[in-house]
């Protein structure tokens, strides 16, 4: 796993769901796999949303599985095509970071997960680092994503001061990340949308009902 800090208080918590990302070519196999190990498919949801997302539930153990297809679509869209071929069971730290920071209505659970992720991963290159250039490039392609990242990084800065963690390290890494985002060249389309600003909504609200933070 990418964040050993999440295995210990104050960042350890209960997990009621599992999130996966798959390429389109694996959709049929996934539809067969989860029912074969005891998960019930949400047929209505999977019929309506199944080109981009699948949902399964283990009623006996109270576990749910969300499977995103090609992209992680929450408040924004993180395109994962071309980013799923590396070794290991987890997405890269950069993609895990974006999967949380893109959520406009983050909750305490998200902030705890992000705290562990940033605490355990420096800004840099490599499989176990947060790639600021990659994050900056995506933010420069979409002002809406940039704005949500900006708001959520400020929320995270505040959250870490209320947790018993190395807030200085986390804040320093967030500063380094945001410096790269601001330094990235922005196209004219981005600048024009920035002039409109918050007067027009720039995010979507995901369909799921998000469970509250449950510490161990």
N, C-alpha and C. Protein backbone atom coordinates (compact mmCIF):
# COMPACT_ATOMS: atom_id res chain seq x y z
N UNK A 1 0.84 -1.19 0.00
CA UNK A 1 0.00 0.00 0.00
C UNK A 1 0.88 1.24 0.00
N UNK A 2 0.32 2.37 -0.45
CA UNK A 2 1.12 3.57 -0.64
C UNK A 2 1.32 4.38 0.63
N UNK A 3 0.54 4.19 1.68
CA UNK A 3 0.62 5.08 2.84
C UNK A 3 0.68 4.29 4.14
N UNK A 4 1.88 3.95 4.60
CA UNK A 4 1.99 3.25 5.88
C UNK A 4 1.46 4.05 7.06
N UNK A 5 1.46 5.38 6.96
CA UNK A 5 0.92 6.19 8.06
C UNK A 5 -0.56 5.93 8.30
N UNK A 6 -1.25 5.45 7.26
CA UNK A 6 -2.69 5.18 7.40
C UNK A 6 -2.97 3.94 8.23
N UNK A 7 -1.92 3.21 8.59
CA UNK A 7 -2.10 1.99 9.39
C UNK A 7 -2.04 2.26 10.89
N UNK A 8 -1.77 3.52 11.26
CA UNK A 8 -1.60 3.84 12.67
C UNK A 8 -2.37 5.11 13.02
N UNK A 9 -2.84 5.24 14.27
CA UNK A 9 -3.48 6.48 14.70
C UNK A 9 -2.51 7.65 14.55
N UNK A 10 -2.98 8.85 14.26
CA UNK A 10 -4.39 9.25 14.16
C UNK A 10 -4.97 9.12 12.74
N UNK A 11 -4.22 8.50 11.83
CA UNK A 11 -4.65 8.45 10.43
C UNK A 11 -5.27 7.11 10.05
N UNK A 12 -5.29 6.17 10.97
CA UNK A 12 -5.96 4.90 10.70
C UNK A 12 -7.47 5.09 10.81
N UNK A 13 -8.20 4.47 9.90
CA UNK A 13 -9.66 4.56 9.94
C UNK A 13 -10.27 3.29 9.37
N UNK A 14 -11.57 3.14 9.54
CA UNK A 14 -12.28 2.00 8.98
C UNK A 14 -12.58 2.26 7.51
N UNK A 15 -12.50 1.21 6.71
CA UNK A 15 -12.78 1.32 5.28
C UNK A 15 -14.01 0.49 4.94
N UNK A 16 -15.06 1.17 4.51
CA UNK A 16 -16.29 0.48 4.15
C UNK A 16 -16.44 0.26 2.66
N UNK A 17 -15.47 0.73 1.88
CA UNK A 17 -15.59 0.58 0.43
C UNK A 17 -14.21 0.41 -0.19
N UNK A 18 -14.22 -0.14 -1.38
CA UNK A 18 -13.01 -0.32 -2.18
C UNK A 18 -13.24 0.33 -3.53
N UNK A 19 -12.27 1.09 -4.00
CA UNK A 19 -12.35 1.74 -5.30
C UNK A 19 -11.32 1.15 -6.24
N UNK A 20 -11.75 0.85 -7.45
CA UNK A 20 -10.86 0.32 -8.48
C UNK A 20 -11.00 1.15 -9.75
N UNK A 21 -9.95 1.13 -10.55
CA UNK A 21 -10.00 1.72 -11.89
C UNK A 21 -9.54 0.65 -12.87
N UNK A 22 -10.30 0.46 -13.93
CA UNK A 22 -9.97 -0.56 -14.92
C UNK A 22 -10.06 0.04 -16.32
N UNK A 23 -9.35 -0.55 -17.28
CA UNK A 23 -9.57 -0.17 -18.68
C UNK A 23 -10.86 -0.79 -19.20
N UNK A 24 -11.42 -0.20 -20.23
CA UNK A 24 -12.68 -0.68 -20.79
C UNK A 24 -12.62 -2.17 -21.15
N UNK A 25 -11.48 -2.62 -21.61
CA UNK A 25 -11.38 -4.02 -22.06
C UNK A 25 -11.62 -5.02 -20.93
N UNK A 26 -11.48 -4.59 -19.66
CA UNK A 26 -11.66 -5.50 -18.53
C UNK A 26 -13.08 -5.47 -17.96
N UNK A 27 -13.96 -4.69 -18.55
CA UNK A 27 -15.31 -4.52 -17.99
C UNK A 27 -16.06 -5.85 -17.88
N UNK A 28 -16.05 -6.63 -18.93
CA UNK A 28 -16.79 -7.90 -18.94
C UNK A 28 -16.27 -8.84 -17.86
N UNK A 29 -14.96 -8.90 -17.71
CA UNK A 29 -14.36 -9.78 -16.71
C UNK A 29 -14.73 -9.33 -15.30
N UNK A 30 -14.77 -8.03 -15.06
CA UNK A 30 -15.12 -7.51 -13.74
C UNK A 30 -16.58 -7.81 -13.42
N UNK A 31 -17.46 -7.68 -14.41
CA UNK A 31 -18.88 -7.98 -14.19
C UNK A 31 -19.09 -9.44 -13.78
N UNK A 32 -18.21 -10.31 -14.22
CA UNK A 32 -18.31 -11.72 -13.84
C UNK A 32 -17.58 -12.01 -12.53
N UNK A 33 -16.48 -11.29 -12.27
CA UNK A 33 -15.63 -11.62 -11.14
C UNK A 33 -16.28 -11.33 -9.79
N UNK A 34 -16.79 -10.13 -9.59
CA UNK A 34 -17.28 -9.78 -8.25
C UNK A 34 -18.47 -10.63 -7.81
N UNK A 35 -19.45 -10.91 -8.66
CA UNK A 35 -20.51 -11.84 -8.23
C UNK A 35 -19.96 -13.23 -7.89
N UNK A 36 -18.88 -13.64 -8.54
CA UNK A 36 -18.32 -14.97 -8.28
C UNK A 36 -17.69 -15.08 -6.89
N UNK A 37 -17.37 -13.94 -6.25
CA UNK A 37 -16.79 -13.98 -4.91
C UNK A 37 -17.76 -13.43 -3.87
N UNK A 38 -19.04 -13.37 -4.23
CA UNK A 38 -20.05 -13.05 -3.24
C UNK A 38 -20.59 -11.65 -3.24
N UNK A 39 -20.15 -10.81 -4.17
CA UNK A 39 -20.68 -9.45 -4.26
C UNK A 39 -21.90 -9.42 -5.17
N UNK A 40 -22.89 -8.64 -4.77
CA UNK A 40 -24.10 -8.48 -5.56
C UNK A 40 -23.97 -7.24 -6.45
N UNK A 41 -24.24 -7.40 -7.72
CA UNK A 41 -24.17 -6.27 -8.64
C UNK A 41 -25.41 -5.40 -8.48
N UNK A 42 -25.23 -4.10 -8.54
CA UNK A 42 -26.35 -3.17 -8.59
C UNK A 42 -26.75 -3.05 -10.06
N UNK A 43 -27.68 -3.90 -10.47
CA UNK A 43 -27.99 -4.01 -11.89
C UNK A 43 -28.52 -2.71 -12.47
N UNK A 44 -29.35 -2.01 -11.72
CA UNK A 44 -29.91 -0.76 -12.23
C UNK A 44 -28.81 0.28 -12.46
N UNK A 45 -27.95 0.44 -11.46
CA UNK A 45 -26.84 1.40 -11.59
C UNK A 45 -25.90 0.98 -12.72
N UNK A 46 -25.57 -0.30 -12.76
CA UNK A 46 -24.61 -0.78 -13.76
C UNK A 46 -25.16 -0.68 -15.17
N UNK A 47 -26.49 -0.79 -15.31
CA UNK A 47 -27.09 -0.62 -16.63
C UNK A 47 -27.05 0.84 -17.07
N UNK A 48 -27.31 1.75 -16.13
CA UNK A 48 -27.37 3.17 -16.47
C UNK A 48 -25.99 3.81 -16.57
N UNK A 49 -25.05 3.38 -15.72
CA UNK A 49 -23.74 4.02 -15.64
C UNK A 49 -22.60 3.12 -16.09
N UNK A 50 -22.93 1.92 -16.56
CA UNK A 50 -21.93 0.89 -16.75
C UNK A 50 -20.88 1.14 -17.80
N UNK A 51 -21.05 2.18 -18.60
CA UNK A 51 -19.99 2.51 -19.56
C UNK A 51 -18.85 3.25 -18.90
N UNK A 52 -19.09 3.77 -17.67
CA UNK A 52 -18.04 4.53 -16.99
C UNK A 52 -17.83 4.13 -15.54
N UNK A 53 -18.79 3.34 -14.97
CA UNK A 53 -18.68 3.00 -13.56
C UNK A 53 -19.56 1.80 -13.23
N UNK A 54 -19.06 0.93 -12.34
CA UNK A 54 -19.80 -0.24 -11.90
C UNK A 54 -19.84 -0.26 -10.37
N UNK A 55 -20.90 -0.87 -9.83
CA UNK A 55 -21.08 -0.88 -8.38
C UNK A 55 -21.48 -2.28 -7.94
N UNK A 56 -20.83 -2.76 -6.85
CA UNK A 56 -21.12 -4.07 -6.27
C UNK A 56 -21.17 -3.92 -4.75
N UNK A 57 -21.92 -4.82 -4.11
CA UNK A 57 -22.09 -4.72 -2.66
C UNK A 57 -22.05 -6.10 -2.02
N UNK A 58 -21.31 -6.20 -0.92
CA UNK A 58 -21.26 -7.42 -0.12
C UNK A 58 -22.12 -7.19 1.11
N UNK A 59 -23.37 -7.63 1.05
CA UNK A 59 -24.30 -7.39 2.14
C UNK A 59 -23.92 -8.08 3.42
N UNK A 60 -23.27 -9.22 3.33
CA UNK A 60 -22.90 -9.97 4.53
C UNK A 60 -21.85 -9.24 5.35
N UNK A 61 -20.91 -8.61 4.68
CA UNK A 61 -19.82 -7.92 5.38
C UNK A 61 -19.92 -6.40 5.33
N UNK A 62 -20.96 -5.90 4.67
CA UNK A 62 -21.16 -4.46 4.61
C UNK A 62 -20.10 -3.72 3.82
N UNK A 63 -19.58 -4.35 2.76
CA UNK A 63 -18.54 -3.74 1.94
C UNK A 63 -19.10 -3.40 0.55
N UNK A 64 -18.69 -2.27 0.02
CA UNK A 64 -19.10 -1.91 -1.33
C UNK A 64 -17.87 -1.71 -2.20
N UNK A 65 -18.04 -1.94 -3.48
CA UNK A 65 -16.96 -1.79 -4.46
C UNK A 65 -17.43 -0.85 -5.55
N UNK A 66 -16.65 0.19 -5.79
CA UNK A 66 -16.85 1.09 -6.93
C UNK A 66 -15.76 0.80 -7.95
N UNK A 67 -16.15 0.58 -9.17
CA UNK A 67 -15.19 0.34 -10.24
C UNK A 67 -15.34 1.44 -11.28
N UNK A 68 -14.32 2.26 -11.42
CA UNK A 68 -14.31 3.32 -12.43
C UNK A 68 -13.68 2.77 -13.71
N UNK A 69 -14.25 3.13 -14.83
CA UNK A 69 -13.78 2.62 -16.12
C UNK A 69 -13.08 3.74 -16.89
N UNK A 70 -11.80 3.59 -17.09
CA UNK A 70 -10.95 4.51 -17.86
C UNK A 70 -10.69 5.84 -17.16
N UNK A 71 -11.70 6.41 -16.52
CA UNK A 71 -11.53 7.71 -15.88
C UNK A 71 -12.12 7.67 -14.47
N UNK A 72 -11.59 8.51 -13.59
CA UNK A 72 -12.18 8.71 -12.27
C UNK A 72 -13.01 9.98 -12.35
N UNK A 73 -14.32 9.80 -12.39
CA UNK A 73 -15.23 10.93 -12.57
C UNK A 73 -15.95 11.19 -11.25
N UNK A 74 -15.58 12.28 -10.60
CA UNK A 74 -16.26 12.70 -9.38
C UNK A 74 -16.74 14.14 -9.62
N UNK A 75 -16.11 15.11 -8.99
CA UNK A 75 -16.44 16.50 -9.30
C UNK A 75 -15.79 16.95 -10.60
N UNK A 76 -14.72 16.26 -10.98
CA UNK A 76 -14.02 16.51 -12.24
C UNK A 76 -13.68 15.15 -12.85
N UNK A 77 -12.89 15.14 -13.88
CA UNK A 77 -12.54 13.89 -14.55
C UNK A 77 -11.02 13.74 -14.58
N UNK A 78 -10.54 12.64 -14.01
CA UNK A 78 -9.12 12.31 -14.08
C UNK A 78 -8.99 11.13 -15.04
N UNK A 79 -8.38 11.38 -16.18
CA UNK A 79 -8.26 10.35 -17.22
C UNK A 79 -7.12 9.40 -16.85
N UNK A 80 -7.47 8.14 -16.63
CA UNK A 80 -6.48 7.15 -16.21
C UNK A 80 -5.98 6.28 -17.35
N UNK A 81 -6.47 6.53 -18.55
CA UNK A 81 -5.99 5.75 -19.69
C UNK A 81 -4.49 6.00 -19.89
N UNK A 82 -3.74 4.94 -20.00
CA UNK A 82 -2.30 5.06 -20.12
C UNK A 82 -1.57 5.14 -18.79
N UNK A 83 -2.31 5.08 -17.66
CA UNK A 83 -1.68 5.19 -16.35
C UNK A 83 -1.94 3.97 -15.47
N UNK A 84 -2.39 2.88 -16.08
CA UNK A 84 -2.74 1.69 -15.31
C UNK A 84 -1.80 0.51 -15.56
N UNK A 85 -0.74 0.73 -16.31
CA UNK A 85 0.11 -0.38 -16.69
C UNK A 85 1.30 -0.64 -15.80
N UNK A 86 1.43 0.10 -14.69
CA UNK A 86 2.59 -0.08 -13.83
C UNK A 86 2.41 -1.28 -12.92
N UNK A 87 3.50 -1.70 -12.27
CA UNK A 87 3.44 -2.82 -11.33
C UNK A 87 2.76 -2.38 -10.04
N UNK A 88 2.19 -3.35 -9.34
CA UNK A 88 1.59 -3.07 -8.05
C UNK A 88 0.09 -2.91 -8.12
N UNK A 89 -0.59 -3.04 -6.97
CA UNK A 89 -2.05 -3.01 -6.94
C UNK A 89 -2.66 -1.62 -6.88
N UNK A 90 -1.85 -0.60 -6.63
CA UNK A 90 -2.39 0.75 -6.39
C UNK A 90 -2.09 1.68 -7.55
N UNK A 91 -2.94 2.68 -7.70
CA UNK A 91 -2.63 3.78 -8.60
C UNK A 91 -1.43 4.54 -8.04
N UNK A 92 -0.83 5.38 -8.86
CA UNK A 92 0.32 6.15 -8.41
C UNK A 92 -0.10 7.13 -7.31
N UNK A 93 0.85 7.56 -6.47
CA UNK A 93 0.51 8.57 -5.46
C UNK A 93 -0.10 9.83 -6.07
N UNK A 94 0.36 10.22 -7.25
CA UNK A 94 -0.17 11.42 -7.90
C UNK A 94 -1.64 11.24 -8.25
N UNK A 95 -2.00 10.07 -8.78
CA UNK A 95 -3.38 9.82 -9.16
C UNK A 95 -4.27 9.63 -7.93
N UNK A 96 -3.73 9.00 -6.89
CA UNK A 96 -4.49 8.88 -5.65
C UNK A 96 -4.77 10.27 -5.07
N UNK A 97 -3.77 11.12 -5.12
CA UNK A 97 -3.94 12.50 -4.63
C UNK A 97 -5.04 13.21 -5.40
N UNK A 98 -4.99 13.12 -6.72
CA UNK A 98 -5.99 13.80 -7.55
C UNK A 98 -7.38 13.20 -7.37
N UNK A 99 -7.45 11.90 -7.13
CA UNK A 99 -8.76 11.26 -6.96
C UNK A 99 -9.50 11.82 -5.75
N UNK A 100 -8.75 12.28 -4.76
CA UNK A 100 -9.35 12.89 -3.57
C UNK A 100 -9.50 14.40 -3.71
N UNK A 101 -8.44 15.06 -4.17
CA UNK A 101 -8.47 16.52 -4.26
C UNK A 101 -9.47 17.03 -5.28
N UNK A 102 -9.90 16.20 -6.22
CA UNK A 102 -10.87 16.65 -7.22
C UNK A 102 -12.29 16.70 -6.67
N UNK A 103 -12.52 16.19 -5.45
CA UNK A 103 -13.87 16.13 -4.89
C UNK A 103 -14.20 17.49 -4.26
N UNK A 104 -15.19 18.17 -4.80
CA UNK A 104 -15.51 19.50 -4.29
C UNK A 104 -15.99 19.45 -2.84
N UNK A 105 -16.82 18.49 -2.51
CA UNK A 105 -17.35 18.37 -1.15
C UNK A 105 -16.56 17.30 -0.39
N UNK A 106 -15.31 17.58 -0.10
CA UNK A 106 -14.51 16.63 0.66
C UNK A 106 -15.03 16.52 2.09
N UNK A 107 -14.89 15.32 2.66
CA UNK A 107 -15.26 15.14 4.05
C UNK A 107 -14.02 14.82 4.88
N UNK A 108 -14.22 14.57 6.17
CA UNK A 108 -13.08 14.32 7.06
C UNK A 108 -12.31 13.08 6.65
N UNK A 109 -13.01 12.08 6.16
CA UNK A 109 -12.35 10.87 5.69
C UNK A 109 -11.36 11.19 4.57
N UNK A 110 -11.77 12.02 3.63
CA UNK A 110 -10.89 12.40 2.53
C UNK A 110 -9.67 13.15 3.04
N UNK A 111 -9.88 14.05 3.98
CA UNK A 111 -8.77 14.84 4.52
C UNK A 111 -7.77 13.97 5.27
N UNK A 112 -8.27 12.99 6.00
CA UNK A 112 -7.38 12.06 6.70
C UNK A 112 -6.57 11.24 5.70
N UNK A 113 -7.22 10.75 4.65
CA UNK A 113 -6.50 9.98 3.62
C UNK A 113 -5.44 10.83 2.93
N UNK A 114 -5.78 12.06 2.61
CA UNK A 114 -4.83 12.95 1.96
C UNK A 114 -3.65 13.28 2.87
N UNK A 115 -3.93 13.46 4.14
CA UNK A 115 -2.86 13.73 5.10
C UNK A 115 -1.84 12.59 5.10
N UNK A 116 -2.32 11.36 5.15
CA UNK A 116 -1.42 10.20 5.12
C UNK A 116 -0.64 10.14 3.82
N UNK A 117 -1.32 10.40 2.72
CA UNK A 117 -0.67 10.31 1.41
C UNK A 117 0.46 11.32 1.27
N UNK A 118 0.19 12.57 1.63
CA UNK A 118 1.21 13.61 1.49
C UNK A 118 2.33 13.42 2.52
N UNK A 119 1.99 12.95 3.70
CA UNK A 119 3.01 12.70 4.72
C UNK A 119 3.99 11.63 4.27
N UNK A 120 3.51 10.63 3.55
CA UNK A 120 4.34 9.48 3.19
C UNK A 120 5.03 9.60 1.84
N UNK A 121 4.75 10.67 1.09
CA UNK A 121 5.30 10.76 -0.26
C UNK A 121 5.86 12.16 -0.54
N UNK A 122 7.13 12.25 -0.87
CA UNK A 122 7.71 13.54 -1.22
C UNK A 122 7.23 13.99 -2.60
N UNK A 123 7.47 15.24 -2.90
CA UNK A 123 7.23 15.76 -4.24
C UNK A 123 8.44 15.40 -5.09
N UNK A 124 8.19 14.80 -6.24
CA UNK A 124 9.32 14.41 -7.08
C UNK A 124 8.90 13.46 -8.18
N UNK A 125 9.85 12.68 -8.66
CA UNK A 125 9.61 11.70 -9.70
C UNK A 125 9.78 10.30 -9.11
N UNK A 126 9.17 9.32 -9.77
CA UNK A 126 9.31 7.95 -9.31
C UNK A 126 8.00 7.38 -8.81
N UNK A 127 8.00 6.07 -8.60
CA UNK A 127 6.77 5.36 -8.24
C UNK A 127 6.23 5.75 -6.88
N UNK A 128 7.08 6.23 -5.98
CA UNK A 128 6.64 6.54 -4.62
C UNK A 128 6.73 8.03 -4.32
N UNK A 129 6.53 8.85 -5.33
CA UNK A 129 6.55 10.30 -5.16
C UNK A 129 5.33 10.92 -5.83
N UNK A 130 4.99 12.11 -5.39
CA UNK A 130 3.91 12.88 -6.01
C UNK A 130 4.53 13.75 -7.11
N UNK A 131 4.09 13.53 -8.31
CA UNK A 131 4.66 14.21 -9.48
C UNK A 131 3.97 15.57 -9.66
N UNK A 132 4.62 16.62 -9.20
CA UNK A 132 4.03 17.96 -9.26
C UNK A 132 3.85 18.42 -10.70
N UNK A 133 4.74 18.01 -11.59
CA UNK A 133 4.61 18.42 -12.99
C UNK A 133 3.35 17.84 -13.61
N UNK A 134 3.05 16.60 -13.29
CA UNK A 134 1.83 15.95 -13.80
C UNK A 134 0.59 16.65 -13.26
N UNK A 135 0.55 16.90 -11.96
CA UNK A 135 -0.59 17.59 -11.36
C UNK A 135 -0.75 18.98 -11.96
N UNK A 136 0.36 19.68 -12.12
CA UNK A 136 0.32 21.04 -12.68
C UNK A 136 -0.19 21.04 -14.11
N UNK A 137 0.20 20.04 -14.88
CA UNK A 137 -0.24 19.96 -16.27
C UNK A 137 -1.75 19.78 -16.36
N UNK A 138 -2.30 18.91 -15.52
CA UNK A 138 -3.75 18.70 -15.54
C UNK A 138 -4.49 19.96 -15.08
N UNK A 139 -3.96 20.62 -14.07
CA UNK A 139 -4.60 21.85 -13.57
C UNK A 139 -4.56 22.96 -14.62
N UNK A 140 -3.54 22.95 -15.47
CA UNK A 140 -3.42 23.97 -16.51
C UNK A 140 -4.33 23.67 -17.70
N UNK A 141 -4.84 22.46 -17.78
CA UNK A 141 -5.75 22.10 -18.86
C UNK A 141 -7.20 22.40 -18.52
N UNK A 142 -7.49 22.61 -17.24
CA UNK A 142 -8.88 22.75 -16.79
C UNK A 142 -8.92 23.70 -15.60
N UNK A 143 -9.43 24.92 -15.83
CA UNK A 143 -9.49 25.88 -14.72
C UNK A 143 -10.36 25.36 -13.58
N UNK A 144 -11.42 24.65 -13.90
CA UNK A 144 -12.30 24.12 -12.86
C UNK A 144 -11.56 23.19 -11.92
N UNK A 145 -10.77 22.28 -12.48
CA UNK A 145 -9.97 21.40 -11.65
C UNK A 145 -8.97 22.21 -10.83
N UNK A 146 -8.33 23.17 -11.46
CA UNK A 146 -7.39 24.05 -10.75
C UNK A 146 -8.06 24.69 -9.54
N UNK A 147 -9.26 25.22 -9.73
CA UNK A 147 -9.95 25.93 -8.66
C UNK A 147 -10.30 24.99 -7.51
N UNK A 148 -10.78 23.79 -7.84
CA UNK A 148 -11.10 22.83 -6.78
C UNK A 148 -9.85 22.39 -6.04
N UNK A 149 -8.76 22.16 -6.76
CA UNK A 149 -7.50 21.82 -6.10
C UNK A 149 -7.06 22.94 -5.16
N UNK A 150 -7.20 24.16 -5.62
CA UNK A 150 -6.80 25.32 -4.81
C UNK A 150 -7.59 25.37 -3.50
N UNK A 151 -8.90 25.20 -3.59
CA UNK A 151 -9.73 25.24 -2.39
C UNK A 151 -9.43 24.07 -1.46
N UNK A 152 -9.24 22.89 -2.03
CA UNK A 152 -9.05 21.72 -1.19
C UNK A 152 -7.67 21.65 -0.56
N UNK A 153 -6.68 22.18 -1.23
CA UNK A 153 -5.36 22.24 -0.61
C UNK A 153 -5.38 23.17 0.60
N UNK A 154 -6.15 24.25 0.52
CA UNK A 154 -6.29 25.12 1.68
C UNK A 154 -7.02 24.41 2.82
N UNK A 155 -8.04 23.62 2.49
CA UNK A 155 -8.72 22.83 3.52
C UNK A 155 -7.76 21.84 4.17
N UNK A 156 -6.90 21.25 3.35
CA UNK A 156 -5.95 20.27 3.87
C UNK A 156 -4.92 20.95 4.77
N UNK A 157 -4.47 22.13 4.37
CA UNK A 157 -3.53 22.87 5.23
C UNK A 157 -4.12 23.09 6.62
N UNK A 158 -5.39 23.44 6.67
CA UNK A 158 -6.04 23.67 7.95
C UNK A 158 -6.22 22.36 8.72
N UNK A 159 -6.60 21.30 8.01
CA UNK A 159 -6.89 20.03 8.67
C UNK A 159 -5.67 19.46 9.37
N UNK A 160 -4.49 19.58 8.75
CA UNK A 160 -3.30 18.95 9.33
C UNK A 160 -2.89 19.63 10.63
N UNK A 161 -3.30 20.87 10.83
CA UNK A 161 -2.97 21.55 12.09
C UNK A 161 -3.79 21.01 13.25
N UNK A 162 -4.87 20.29 12.94
CA UNK A 162 -5.73 19.75 13.98
C UNK A 162 -5.50 18.25 14.22
N UNK A 163 -4.52 17.68 13.52
CA UNK A 163 -4.18 16.28 13.69
C UNK A 163 -2.78 16.18 14.29
N UNK A 164 -2.53 15.11 15.01
CA UNK A 164 -1.22 14.90 15.63
C UNK A 164 -0.28 14.27 14.61
N UNK A 165 0.14 15.10 13.65
CA UNK A 165 1.02 14.66 12.57
C UNK A 165 2.10 15.72 12.35
N UNK A 166 3.05 15.39 11.48
CA UNK A 166 4.12 16.33 11.14
C UNK A 166 3.57 17.36 10.15
N UNK A 167 2.88 18.36 10.68
CA UNK A 167 2.22 19.34 9.82
C UNK A 167 3.22 20.14 9.00
N UNK A 168 4.40 20.37 9.53
CA UNK A 168 5.40 21.17 8.81
C UNK A 168 5.82 20.47 7.51
N UNK A 169 6.04 19.16 7.57
CA UNK A 169 6.42 18.41 6.37
C UNK A 169 5.30 18.44 5.34
N UNK A 170 4.08 18.23 5.79
CA UNK A 170 2.94 18.22 4.88
C UNK A 170 2.76 19.59 4.24
N UNK A 171 2.83 20.63 5.04
CA UNK A 171 2.65 21.99 4.52
C UNK A 171 3.74 22.34 3.51
N UNK A 172 4.97 21.93 3.80
CA UNK A 172 6.08 22.19 2.88
C UNK A 172 5.85 21.50 1.54
N UNK A 173 5.36 20.28 1.58
CA UNK A 173 5.11 19.54 0.34
C UNK A 173 3.94 20.15 -0.43
N UNK A 174 2.93 20.60 0.27
CA UNK A 174 1.82 21.28 -0.40
C UNK A 174 2.28 22.58 -1.04
N UNK A 175 3.16 23.30 -0.36
CA UNK A 175 3.72 24.53 -0.93
C UNK A 175 4.48 24.22 -2.22
N UNK A 176 5.29 23.17 -2.18
CA UNK A 176 6.07 22.79 -3.36
C UNK A 176 5.16 22.39 -4.51
N UNK A 177 4.12 21.64 -4.19
CA UNK A 177 3.17 21.23 -5.22
C UNK A 177 2.48 22.43 -5.83
N UNK A 178 2.00 23.34 -4.99
CA UNK A 178 1.23 24.47 -5.52
C UNK A 178 2.11 25.46 -6.27
N UNK A 179 3.36 25.58 -5.89
CA UNK A 179 4.29 26.42 -6.64
C UNK A 179 4.41 25.92 -8.07
N UNK A 180 4.48 24.60 -8.23
CA UNK A 180 4.55 24.02 -9.58
C UNK A 180 3.27 24.26 -10.36
N UNK A 181 2.12 24.16 -9.69
CA UNK A 181 0.84 24.40 -10.36
C UNK A 181 0.76 25.84 -10.86
N UNK A 182 1.14 26.78 -10.02
CA UNK A 182 1.07 28.18 -10.41
C UNK A 182 2.08 28.53 -11.50
N UNK A 183 3.21 27.85 -11.50
CA UNK A 183 4.26 28.15 -12.48
C UNK A 183 3.95 27.59 -13.86
N UNK A 184 3.07 26.61 -13.94
CA UNK A 184 2.75 25.99 -15.22
C UNK A 184 2.05 26.99 -16.15
N UNK A 185 2.49 27.05 -17.39
CA UNK A 185 1.89 27.95 -18.36
C UNK A 185 0.43 27.58 -18.60
N UNK A 186 -0.44 28.60 -18.68
CA UNK A 186 -1.87 28.37 -18.87
C UNK A 186 -2.29 28.87 -20.25
N UNK A 187 -3.12 28.11 -20.96
CA UNK A 187 -3.57 28.54 -22.29
C UNK A 187 -4.62 29.65 -22.18
N UNK A 188 -4.92 30.27 -23.32
CA UNK A 188 -5.88 31.36 -23.35
C UNK A 188 -7.25 30.93 -22.86
N UNK A 189 -7.68 29.73 -23.25
CA UNK A 189 -8.99 29.23 -22.82
C UNK A 189 -9.07 29.18 -21.30
N UNK A 190 -8.01 28.74 -20.65
CA UNK A 190 -7.95 28.67 -19.19
C UNK A 190 -8.06 30.07 -18.59
N UNK A 191 -7.33 31.01 -19.16
CA UNK A 191 -7.32 32.37 -18.63
C UNK A 191 -8.68 33.04 -18.79
N UNK A 192 -9.36 32.75 -19.89
CA UNK A 192 -10.69 33.32 -20.09
C UNK A 192 -11.68 32.75 -19.08
N UNK A 193 -11.59 31.45 -18.81
CA UNK A 193 -12.48 30.85 -17.81
C UNK A 193 -12.16 31.38 -16.42
N UNK A 194 -10.89 31.65 -16.15
CA UNK A 194 -10.50 32.19 -14.85
C UNK A 194 -11.11 33.57 -14.61
N UNK A 195 -11.31 34.34 -15.68
CA UNK A 195 -11.92 35.66 -15.54
C UNK A 195 -13.38 35.55 -15.10
N UNK A 196 -14.05 34.50 -15.53
CA UNK A 196 -15.44 34.26 -15.09
C UNK A 196 -15.46 33.86 -13.62
N UNK A 197 -14.49 33.04 -13.23
CA UNK A 197 -14.32 32.67 -11.84
C UNK A 197 -15.48 31.88 -11.26
N UNK A 198 -15.77 32.16 -9.99
CA UNK A 198 -16.77 31.38 -9.25
C UNK A 198 -18.20 31.76 -9.59
N UNK A 199 -18.39 32.72 -10.48
CA UNK A 199 -19.76 33.13 -10.82
C UNK A 199 -20.52 32.03 -11.54
N UNK A 200 -19.79 31.13 -12.19
CA UNK A 200 -20.39 29.98 -12.86
C UNK A 200 -19.83 28.72 -12.22
N UNK A 201 -20.71 27.78 -11.87
CA UNK A 201 -20.25 26.57 -11.18
C UNK A 201 -19.28 25.79 -12.07
N UNK A 202 -18.23 25.31 -11.47
CA UNK A 202 -17.14 24.67 -12.21
C UNK A 202 -16.96 23.19 -11.87
N UNK A 203 -17.83 22.61 -11.09
CA UNK A 203 -17.67 21.24 -10.60
C UNK A 203 -18.99 20.49 -10.71
N UNK A 204 -18.90 19.17 -10.70
CA UNK A 204 -20.06 18.31 -10.61
C UNK A 204 -20.11 17.71 -9.20
N UNK A 205 -21.28 17.26 -8.79
CA UNK A 205 -21.42 16.56 -7.52
C UNK A 205 -21.62 15.08 -7.81
N UNK A 206 -20.75 14.22 -7.28
CA UNK A 206 -20.86 12.78 -7.58
C UNK A 206 -22.15 12.19 -7.05
N UNK A 207 -22.57 11.07 -7.69
CA UNK A 207 -23.85 10.47 -7.35
C UNK A 207 -23.83 9.75 -6.02
N UNK A 208 -22.67 9.27 -5.60
CA UNK A 208 -22.62 8.39 -4.44
C UNK A 208 -22.98 9.12 -3.15
N UNK A 209 -23.52 8.39 -2.20
CA UNK A 209 -23.71 8.89 -0.84
C UNK A 209 -22.45 8.56 -0.07
N UNK A 210 -21.71 9.58 0.32
CA UNK A 210 -20.39 9.36 0.91
C UNK A 210 -20.52 9.07 2.39
N UNK A 211 -19.89 7.99 2.85
CA UNK A 211 -19.99 7.59 4.24
C UNK A 211 -19.14 8.48 5.13
N UNK A 212 -19.52 8.68 6.40
CA UNK A 212 -18.76 9.55 7.30
C UNK A 212 -17.45 8.91 7.72
N UNK A 213 -16.55 9.74 8.21
CA UNK A 213 -15.27 9.27 8.73
C UNK A 213 -15.51 8.40 9.96
N UNK A 214 -14.91 7.20 9.95
CA UNK A 214 -15.07 6.28 11.08
C UNK A 214 -13.70 5.83 11.56
N UNK A 215 -13.14 6.47 12.59
CA UNK A 215 -11.84 6.05 13.09
C UNK A 215 -11.94 4.71 13.80
N UNK A 216 -10.83 3.98 13.84
CA UNK A 216 -10.80 2.72 14.60
C UNK A 216 -10.90 3.02 16.09
